[in-house]
C-alpha atoms as a PDB file:
ATOM      1  CA  UNK A   1       1.657  10.620  11.874  1.00  0.00           C
ATOM      2  CA  UNK A   2       5.338  10.084  11.222  1.00  0.00           C
ATOM      3  CA  UNK A   3       6.643   6.742  10.040  1.00  0.00           C
ATOM      4  CA  UNK A   4       9.487   5.289  12.077  1.00  0.00           C
ATOM      5  CA  UNK A   5      12.660   4.027  10.452  1.00  0.00           C
ATOM      6  CA  UNK A   6      11.466   0.499  11.319  1.00  0.00           C
ATOM      7  CA  UNK A   7       8.122   1.121   9.560  1.00  0.00           C
ATOM      8  CA  UNK A   8       9.961   2.358   6.467  1.00  0.00           C
ATOM      9  CA  UNK A   9      12.322  -0.617   6.479  1.00  0.00           C
ATOM     10  CA  UNK A  10       9.375  -3.005   6.775  1.00  0.00           C
ATOM     11  CA  UNK A  11       7.521  -1.311   3.902  1.00  0.00           C
ATOM     12  CA  UNK A  12      10.580  -1.579   1.652  1.00  0.00           C
ATOM     13  CA  UNK A  13      10.856  -5.288   2.510  1.00  0.00           C
ATOM     14  CA  UNK A  14       7.156  -5.889   1.741  1.00  0.00           C
ATOM     15  CA  UNK A  15       7.289  -4.370  -1.740  1.00  0.00           C
ATOM     16  CA  UNK A  16       8.563  -7.142  -4.027  1.00  0.00           C
ATOM     17  CA  UNK A  17      11.065  -6.541  -6.771  1.00  0.00           C
ATOM     18  CA  UNK A  18       8.900  -6.163  -9.853  1.00  0.00           C
ATOM     19  CA  UNK A  19       9.727  -4.624 -13.235  1.00  0.00           C
ATOM     20  CA  UNK A  20       9.587  -0.823 -13.185  1.00  0.00           C
ATOM     21  CA  UNK A  21       8.708  -0.651  -9.455  1.00  0.00           C
ATOM     22  CA  UNK A  22      10.531   1.835  -7.274  1.00  0.00           C
ATOM     23  CA  UNK A  23      10.035   2.783  -3.622  1.00  0.00           C
ATOM     24  CA  UNK A  24      10.728   6.418  -2.869  1.00  0.00           C
ATOM     25  CA  UNK A  25      10.043   9.039  -0.213  1.00  0.00           C
ATOM     26  CA  UNK A  26       6.825  10.988  -0.348  1.00  0.00           C
ATOM     27  CA  UNK A  27       5.918  13.614   2.264  1.00  0.00           C
ATOM     28  CA  UNK A  28       8.009  11.947   4.968  1.00  0.00           C
ATOM     29  CA  UNK A  29       6.543   8.538   4.229  1.00  0.00           C
ATOM     30  CA  UNK A  30       7.243   6.030   1.437  1.00  0.00           C
ATOM     31  CA  UNK A  31       5.350   5.161  -1.714  1.00  0.00           C
ATOM     32  CA  UNK A  32       5.712   2.344  -4.226  1.00  0.00           C
ATOM     33  CA  UNK A  33       5.517   3.506  -7.827  1.00  0.00           C
ATOM     34  CA  UNK A  34       5.264   1.786 -11.188  1.00  0.00           C
ATOM     35  CA  UNK A  35       5.825   3.893 -14.275  1.00  0.00           C
ATOM     36  CA  UNK A  36       5.536   7.008 -12.110  1.00  0.00           C
ATOM     37  CA  UNK A  37       2.149   6.068 -10.616  1.00  0.00           C
ATOM     38  CA  UNK A  38       1.825   5.295  -6.924  1.00  0.00           C
ATOM     39  CA  UNK A  39       0.035   2.008  -6.192  1.00  0.00           C
ATOM     40  CA  UNK A  40       1.015   1.397  -2.559  1.00  0.00           C
ATOM     41  CA  UNK A  41       2.049   3.638   0.269  1.00  0.00           C
ATOM     42  CA  UNK A  42       2.451   3.989   3.965  1.00  0.00           C
ATOM     43  CA  UNK A  43       1.288   6.492   6.514  1.00  0.00           C
ATOM     44  CA  UNK A  44       2.823   5.807   9.893  1.00  0.00           C
ATOM     45  CA  UNK A  45       2.284   2.107  10.473  1.00  0.00           C
ATOM     46  CA  UNK A  46      -0.619   1.888   7.997  1.00  0.00           C
ATOM     47  CA  UNK A  47      -0.056   0.419   4.551  1.00  0.00           C
ATOM     48  CA  UNK A  48      -2.483   1.307   1.794  1.00  0.00           C
ATOM     49  CA  UNK A  49      -3.007   0.022  -1.722  1.00  0.00           C
ATOM     50  CA  UNK A  50      -4.719   1.481  -4.777  1.00  0.00           C
ATOM     51  CA  UNK A  51      -6.882  -1.160  -6.403  1.00  0.00           C
ATOM     52  CA  UNK A  52      -8.970  -1.807  -9.479  1.00  0.00           C
ATOM     53  CA  UNK A  53     -12.736  -1.882  -8.752  1.00  0.00           C
ATOM     54  CA  UNK A  54     -13.066  -5.692  -8.488  1.00  0.00           C
ATOM     55  CA  UNK A  55     -10.104  -5.965  -6.111  1.00  0.00           C
ATOM     56  CA  UNK A  56     -11.362  -2.968  -4.141  1.00  0.00           C
ATOM     57  CA  UNK A  57     -14.734  -4.676  -3.626  1.00  0.00           C
ATOM     58  CA  UNK A  58     -13.050  -7.918  -2.534  1.00  0.00           C
ATOM     59  CA  UNK A  59     -10.743  -6.233  -0.035  1.00  0.00           C
ATOM     60  CA  UNK A  60     -13.537  -3.994   1.294  1.00  0.00           C
ATOM     61  CA  UNK A  61     -15.305  -7.098   2.604  1.00  0.00           C
ATOM     62  CA  UNK A  62     -12.348  -8.079   4.826  1.00  0.00           C
ATOM     63  CA  UNK A  63     -12.624  -7.339   8.545  1.00  0.00           C
ATOM     64  CA  UNK A  64     -10.161  -4.691   9.668  1.00  0.00           C
ATOM     65  CA  UNK A  65      -9.870  -2.937   6.310  1.00  0.00           C
ATOM     66  CA  UNK A  66     -10.443   0.786   6.356  1.00  0.00           C
ATOM     67  CA  UNK A  67      -9.890   3.909   4.328  1.00  0.00           C
ATOM     68  CA  UNK A  68      -6.309   4.959   3.669  1.00  0.00           C
ATOM     69  CA  UNK A  69      -6.102   8.348   5.365  1.00  0.00           C
ATOM     70  CA  UNK A  70      -2.849  10.232   4.865  1.00  0.00           C
ATOM     71  CA  UNK A  71      -4.825  13.479   4.994  1.00  0.00           C
ATOM     72  CA  UNK A  72      -8.268  12.651   3.656  1.00  0.00           C
ATOM     73  CA  UNK A  73      -9.654   9.406   2.213  1.00  0.00           C
ATOM     74  CA  UNK A  74      -8.098   8.602  -1.140  1.00  0.00           C
ATOM     75  CA  UNK A  75     -10.321   7.199  -3.917  1.00  0.00           C
ATOM     76  CA  UNK A  76      -9.637   3.575  -4.834  1.00  0.00           C
ATOM     77  CA  UNK A  77      -7.322   3.211  -1.810  1.00  0.00           C
ATOM     78  CA  UNK A  78      -7.753   1.007   1.251  1.00  0.00           C
ATOM     79  CA  UNK A  79      -5.583   0.475   4.310  1.00  0.00           C
ATOM     80  CA  UNK A  80      -4.693  -3.169   4.848  1.00  0.00           C
ATOM     81  CA  UNK A  81      -5.660  -4.745   8.175  1.00  0.00           C
ATOM     82  CA  UNK A  82      -3.011  -4.579  10.895  1.00  0.00           C
ATOM     83  CA  UNK A  83      -3.688  -8.288  11.495  1.00  0.00           C
ATOM     84  CA  UNK A  84      -2.422  -9.268   8.024  1.00  0.00           C
ATOM     85  CA  UNK A  85       0.790 -11.269   7.765  1.00  0.00           C
ATOM     86  CA  UNK A  86       3.700  -9.951   5.736  1.00  0.00           C
ATOM     87  CA  UNK A  87       2.815 -12.492   3.031  1.00  0.00           C
ATOM     88  CA  UNK A  88      -0.794 -11.243   2.835  1.00  0.00           C
ATOM     89  CA  UNK A  89       0.369  -7.635   2.633  1.00  0.00           C
ATOM     90  CA  UNK A  90       2.858  -8.422  -0.121  1.00  0.00           C
ATOM     91  CA  UNK A  91       0.174 -10.312  -2.067  1.00  0.00           C
ATOM     92  CA  UNK A  92      -2.089  -7.226  -2.022  1.00  0.00           C
ATOM     93  CA  UNK A  93       0.819  -4.959  -2.962  1.00  0.00           C
ATOM     94  CA  UNK A  94       1.460  -7.205  -5.984  1.00  0.00           C
ATOM     95  CA  UNK A  95      -2.222  -7.076  -6.947  1.00  0.00           C
ATOM     96  CA  UNK A  96      -2.145  -3.292  -6.696  1.00  0.00           C
ATOM     97  CA  UNK A  97       0.997  -3.098  -8.857  1.00  0.00           C
ATOM     98  CA  UNK A  98      -0.579  -5.346 -11.467  1.00  0.00           C
ATOM     99  CA  UNK A  99      -3.833  -3.350 -11.433  1.00  0.00           C
ATOM    100  CA  UNK A 100      -2.046  -0.254 -12.674  1.00  0.00           C
ATOM    101  CA  UNK A 101       0.648  -1.768 -14.892  1.00  0.00           C
END
């Protein structure tokens, strides 16, 4: 599933400017990295976050959340619901960044 230019632009806009965070291409998609470790990414229109266990459990209980599936399910990663607002997505991206800082 290829990400459109619009999807990539939206992802870049959703990742807040945080210390040591960089958004860069990864396999035709984009990933958000902190200190070289990816904590958020996109696959087509889907946006996924890598979370600490407590955050993973909290997000797992939300309707519309599913596995993040670029190729196969990734451990500690969930795809955010398509129904989430940009503000909700950014909040989870921040939590993911802080989980792995």
